[in-house]
Protein backbone atom coordinates (compact mmCIF):
# COMPACT_ATOMS: atom_id res chain seq x y z
CA MET A 1 -92.76 21.21 9.79
CA ASP A 2 -94.28 21.23 6.33
CA ALA A 3 -98.01 21.78 5.94
CA MET A 4 -100.19 19.05 4.55
CA CYS A 5 -99.53 18.66 0.85
CA TYR A 6 -102.61 17.49 -0.99
CA SER A 7 -106.35 17.63 -0.36
CA ASN A 8 -108.80 14.96 -1.47
CA ASP A 9 -109.55 16.76 -4.73
CA ALA A 10 -105.89 17.07 -5.77
CA ARG A 11 -104.78 14.98 -8.74
CA PRO A 12 -101.31 14.55 -10.25
CA PRO A 13 -100.62 16.12 -13.64
CA LEU A 14 -100.72 13.75 -16.59
CA PRO A 15 -97.38 12.37 -17.79
CA PRO A 16 -96.20 13.18 -21.33
CA ILE A 17 -96.33 9.52 -22.38
CA GLN A 18 -99.27 7.30 -21.53
CA GLY A 19 -99.71 3.58 -22.04
CA GLY A 20 -101.40 0.76 -20.18
CA SER A 21 -101.22 -0.38 -16.57
CA THR A 22 -102.76 -2.96 -14.28
CA ASP A 23 -103.83 -2.07 -10.74
CA GLU A 24 -103.47 -3.97 -7.52
CA ASP A 25 -105.30 -2.22 -4.71
CA GLY A 26 -105.49 -3.12 -1.03
CA LEU A 27 -101.98 -4.47 -0.50
CA ILE A 28 -100.68 -5.00 3.01
CA LEU A 29 -96.90 -5.08 3.45
CA THR A 30 -94.93 -5.97 6.55
CA SER A 31 -91.95 -3.91 7.68
CA ALA A 32 -88.79 -5.35 9.27
CA ASP A 33 -90.14 -4.65 12.77
CA GLY A 34 -93.37 -6.52 12.06
CA THR A 35 -95.51 -3.45 11.35
CA ARG A 36 -98.28 -4.09 8.84
CA PHE A 37 -99.06 -1.13 6.62
CA GLY A 38 -101.13 -0.33 3.59
CA ALA A 39 -99.76 0.06 0.08
CA TYR A 40 -101.08 0.58 -3.45
CA ALA A 41 -99.31 -0.84 -6.51
CA ALA A 42 -99.65 -0.69 -10.28
CA ARG A 43 -97.79 -2.68 -12.90
CA ALA A 44 -96.64 -1.25 -16.21
CA GLY A 45 -98.20 -2.74 -19.33
CA THR A 46 -94.91 -2.20 -21.16
CA PRO A 47 -92.22 -2.21 -18.45
CA THR A 48 -88.89 -0.42 -18.76
CA GLY A 49 -87.04 -2.16 -15.93
CA ALA A 50 -87.58 0.79 -13.57
CA GLY A 51 -89.83 1.06 -10.53
CA VAL A 52 -90.72 3.71 -7.95
CA VAL A 53 -91.58 3.58 -4.28
CA VAL A 54 -93.79 6.64 -3.66
CA ILE A 55 -93.50 8.18 -0.18
CA PRO A 56 -96.65 10.28 0.33
CA ASP A 57 -97.31 13.27 2.51
CA PRO A 58 -98.64 12.30 5.99
CA ARG A 59 -102.20 11.74 4.77
CA GLY A 60 -101.02 8.44 3.34
CA LEU A 61 -102.69 6.62 0.47
CA HIS A 62 -105.28 9.18 -0.54
CA PRO A 63 -106.39 9.48 -4.19
CA PHE A 64 -103.52 11.68 -5.38
CA TYR A 65 -100.91 9.01 -4.68
CA LYS A 66 -102.94 6.10 -5.98
CA GLU A 67 -103.42 7.91 -9.28
CA LEU A 68 -99.75 8.93 -9.35
CA VAL A 69 -98.68 5.27 -9.12
CA ARG A 70 -101.02 4.46 -12.02
CA ARG A 71 -99.58 7.34 -14.04
CA PHE A 72 -96.05 6.07 -13.49
CA ALA A 73 -97.17 2.64 -14.66
CA GLU A 74 -98.58 4.20 -17.83
CA THR A 75 -95.07 5.46 -18.62
CA GLY A 76 -93.59 1.97 -18.21
CA ILE A 77 -92.51 2.35 -14.59
CA ASP A 78 -93.85 -0.15 -12.04
CA GLY A 79 -94.84 1.57 -8.81
CA ILE A 80 -95.99 1.22 -5.24
CA ALA A 81 -97.10 3.90 -2.77
CA ILE A 82 -96.61 3.14 0.93
CA ASP A 83 -98.27 4.40 4.12
CA TYR A 84 -95.53 4.96 6.71
CA LEU A 85 -97.75 6.17 9.58
CA ALA A 86 -99.48 2.86 10.32
CA ARG A 87 -97.58 2.33 13.59
CA THR A 88 -99.51 5.12 15.28
CA ALA A 89 -102.32 6.07 12.86
CA GLY A 90 -103.40 2.54 11.93
CA LEU A 91 -104.51 1.18 8.58
CA GLY A 92 -107.09 2.82 6.34
CA ASP A 93 -107.95 6.19 4.83
CA ARG A 94 -107.47 9.44 6.72
CA PRO A 95 -109.93 12.32 6.55
CA GLU A 96 -109.41 15.96 5.71
CA GLY A 97 -108.17 17.66 8.86
CA PHE A 98 -106.26 14.57 10.00
CA ASP A 99 -103.96 15.48 12.93
CA PHE A 100 -100.82 14.38 11.10
CA MET A 101 -98.38 16.24 13.35
CA THR A 102 -99.19 14.01 16.32
CA HIS A 103 -98.09 11.02 14.25
CA ILE A 104 -95.12 12.63 12.48
CA ARG A 105 -93.62 13.45 15.87
CA GLN A 106 -93.65 9.75 16.66
CA THR A 107 -92.20 8.68 13.31
CA THR A 108 -88.46 8.10 12.96
CA PRO A 109 -86.36 8.06 9.78
CA GLU A 110 -85.41 4.48 10.59
CA GLN A 111 -89.07 3.45 10.59
CA VAL A 112 -89.70 5.16 7.25
CA ALA A 113 -86.60 3.50 5.79
CA ALA A 114 -87.81 0.09 6.97
CA ASP A 115 -91.19 0.65 5.32
CA VAL A 116 -89.53 1.89 2.12
CA ARG A 117 -87.38 -1.24 2.14
CA ALA A 118 -90.53 -3.37 2.22
CA GLY A 119 -91.75 -1.45 -0.84
CA VAL A 120 -88.39 -1.90 -2.58
CA ASP A 121 -88.46 -5.63 -1.83
CA TYR A 122 -91.98 -5.85 -3.25
CA LEU A 123 -90.93 -4.22 -6.53
CA ARG A 124 -87.93 -6.53 -6.77
CA SER A 125 -90.15 -9.58 -6.26
CA ALA A 126 -91.97 -11.38 -9.05
CA ALA A 127 -95.30 -10.01 -7.74
CA GLY A 128 -94.03 -6.45 -8.07
CA GLY A 129 -92.46 -6.86 -11.51
CA SER A 130 -88.93 -8.12 -10.76
CA VAL A 131 -87.79 -4.50 -11.08
CA ALA A 132 -84.09 -4.04 -11.76
CA SER A 133 -83.73 -0.33 -10.87
CA VAL A 134 -85.78 1.04 -7.98
CA PHE A 135 -86.19 4.76 -7.24
CA THR A 136 -87.97 6.63 -4.47
CA VAL A 137 -90.29 9.60 -5.09
CA GLY A 138 -91.52 11.63 -2.14
CA PHE A 139 -93.63 14.68 -1.40
CA CYS A 140 -93.57 17.17 1.49
CA PHE A 141 -92.37 15.23 4.59
CA GLY A 142 -91.98 12.31 2.21
CA GLY A 143 -89.80 14.41 -0.10
CA ALA A 144 -87.06 14.77 2.49
CA GLN A 145 -87.50 11.13 3.47
CA SER A 146 -87.03 10.17 -0.19
CA TRP A 147 -83.67 11.97 -0.33
CA ARG A 148 -82.64 10.20 2.88
CA GLN A 149 -83.09 6.85 1.15
CA SER A 150 -79.95 7.60 -0.87
CA ALA A 151 -78.08 6.74 2.32
CA ALA A 152 -80.48 4.11 3.69
CA GLN A 153 -81.32 1.73 0.81
CA PRO A 154 -78.65 -0.59 -0.61
CA GLY A 155 -78.63 -0.58 -4.39
CA LEU A 156 -81.16 2.24 -4.80
CA ALA A 157 -81.00 3.67 -8.31
CA GLY A 158 -82.02 7.22 -7.34
CA ALA A 159 -84.05 9.39 -4.96
CA ILE A 160 -86.50 12.09 -6.10
CA GLY A 161 -88.12 14.61 -3.78
CA PHE A 162 -90.69 17.41 -4.09
CA TYR A 163 -90.80 20.17 -1.46
CA GLY A 164 -88.52 18.39 1.02
CA ARG A 165 -86.72 20.20 3.84
CA PRO A 166 -82.90 20.00 3.74
CA ALA A 167 -82.70 20.23 7.55
CA VAL A 168 -84.28 16.77 7.74
CA VAL A 169 -81.63 15.31 5.43
CA ARG A 170 -78.38 17.03 6.32
CA ASP A 171 -77.12 14.44 8.82
CA VAL A 172 -76.95 11.62 6.24
CA ILE A 173 -75.26 13.50 3.38
CA PRO A 174 -71.90 11.75 4.06
CA GLN A 175 -73.55 8.33 3.65
CA MET A 176 -75.42 9.11 0.42
CA LYS A 177 -74.74 6.86 -2.57
CA ALA A 178 -77.71 7.07 -4.94
CA PRO A 179 -78.12 10.21 -7.10
CA LEU A 180 -80.71 12.80 -6.11
CA LEU A 181 -83.28 14.82 -8.04
CA LEU A 182 -84.54 17.86 -6.14
CA LEU A 183 -87.73 19.45 -7.49
CA ILE A 184 -88.09 22.73 -5.64
CA ALA A 185 -90.99 25.17 -5.40
CA GLY A 186 -89.49 28.64 -5.76
CA GLU A 187 -92.16 30.15 -3.48
CA ASP A 188 -92.31 27.38 -0.88
CA ALA A 189 -93.38 29.10 2.34
CA ALA A 190 -92.21 26.11 4.37
CA THR A 191 -88.55 26.36 3.32
CA PRO A 192 -86.59 29.50 2.35
CA ARG A 193 -84.85 29.39 -1.04
CA GLU A 194 -81.52 29.98 0.71
CA GLU A 195 -81.84 26.59 2.40
CA PHE A 196 -81.75 24.85 -0.96
CA VAL A 197 -78.77 26.92 -2.11
CA ARG A 198 -76.90 25.75 0.98
CA PHE A 199 -78.12 22.16 0.54
CA GLU A 200 -76.85 22.01 -3.04
CA GLN A 201 -73.47 23.35 -1.95
CA GLU A 202 -73.27 20.67 0.75
CA LEU A 203 -74.17 17.92 -1.72
CA THR A 204 -71.56 19.17 -4.17
CA GLN A 205 -68.88 19.32 -1.48
CA ALA A 206 -69.73 15.76 -0.42
CA GLY A 207 -69.58 14.50 -4.01
CA VAL A 208 -73.23 13.39 -4.07
CA PRO A 209 -74.56 13.25 -7.66
CA HIS A 210 -77.60 15.48 -7.87
CA ASN A 211 -79.73 17.71 -10.04
CA GLN A 212 -81.75 20.56 -8.54
CA VAL A 213 -84.57 22.21 -10.48
CA VAL A 214 -86.22 25.32 -9.01
CA TYR A 215 -89.62 26.38 -10.33
CA ASP A 216 -89.73 30.14 -9.86
CA GLY A 217 -93.08 31.40 -8.62
CA ALA A 218 -94.40 27.91 -7.88
CA PRO A 219 -95.84 27.27 -4.40
CA HIS A 220 -95.59 24.22 -2.19
CA SER A 221 -97.70 21.46 -3.80
CA PHE A 222 -97.59 23.01 -7.28
CA PHE A 223 -97.52 19.51 -8.85
CA ASP A 224 -101.30 19.27 -9.07
CA ARG A 225 -103.54 19.01 -12.12
CA LYS A 226 -106.01 21.59 -10.85
CA PHE A 227 -103.37 24.36 -10.83
CA ASP A 228 -103.56 25.58 -14.42
CA GLN A 229 -101.20 28.43 -13.65
CA HIS A 230 -98.46 25.92 -12.79
CA LYS A 231 -99.06 23.58 -15.71
CA ALA A 232 -95.68 24.31 -17.30
CA ALA A 233 -93.86 23.58 -14.05
CA SER A 234 -95.77 20.35 -13.59
CA GLU A 235 -95.06 19.24 -17.15
CA ASP A 236 -91.39 19.96 -16.69
CA ALA A 237 -91.31 18.09 -13.37
CA TRP A 238 -92.67 15.01 -15.16
CA ARG A 239 -89.98 15.37 -17.83
CA GLN A 240 -87.29 15.77 -15.21
CA MET A 241 -88.43 12.65 -13.32
CA LEU A 242 -88.75 10.46 -16.41
CA GLU A 243 -85.38 11.55 -17.78
CA PHE A 244 -83.70 11.03 -14.40
CA ILE A 245 -85.21 7.56 -14.11
CA LYS A 246 -84.26 6.66 -17.69
CA GLN A 247 -80.71 7.90 -17.15
CA HIS A 248 -80.21 5.79 -14.01
CA THR A 249 -82.09 2.64 -15.03
CA ARG A 250 -79.44 -0.03 -15.24
CA GLN A 251 -81.11 -2.87 -17.14
CA PRO A 252 -83.68 -3.26 -19.91
CA ALA A 253 -87.23 -4.39 -19.29
CA ARG A 254 -88.01 -7.91 -18.18
CA ALA A 255 -88.95 -10.40 -20.87
């Protein structure tokens, strides 16, 4: 299982284009099974018609992901980050050293998909921006879960994942419909490079639209503003995400 992605002092790199956003903290969403879980949303000041559901690492809604949602909003992309561990870990912040593995072992892909669907529904609602094209963006455990949404979410525009493990995704490749963007750390200790070579071959054979970008020399969790040595990789990852989202956004911004 992947190690914890981001510490409390981690911050996402800045996007290449910045505008305005409005925040909406302290949201509580309800999943299909009645689970109440925390979320954090931000609306774009100048919307593009695209939105993202951010699937964090198991720490949930810590500062990295709240800022990331705001950064997406500054690029014109409405966003919401969800906390998928509420069934066992409860609501609220989680400290450094949180025993995430105990909760991950109790978390099923179906539960994550149900929580993501609540986030998708929020973005498609008037409160969330009436978003036309919804994408998922995930990190670490959430990266693989993001790719899985290609098979789980009707009408999803695309699924983006950082540092995900192909072994967690392989069983749903035949059901995938939405295109994938795979942003891979070339020196990810959690997953051998060969696994991603095999994964890309399997996606190609199944006819799943995808783009894989490997950042040579970059470690797991390289997408972090404090890593000056990986600034170029982080900047390119932003470009890759924004271009992917622009390419697969189906409708113009709302009036």
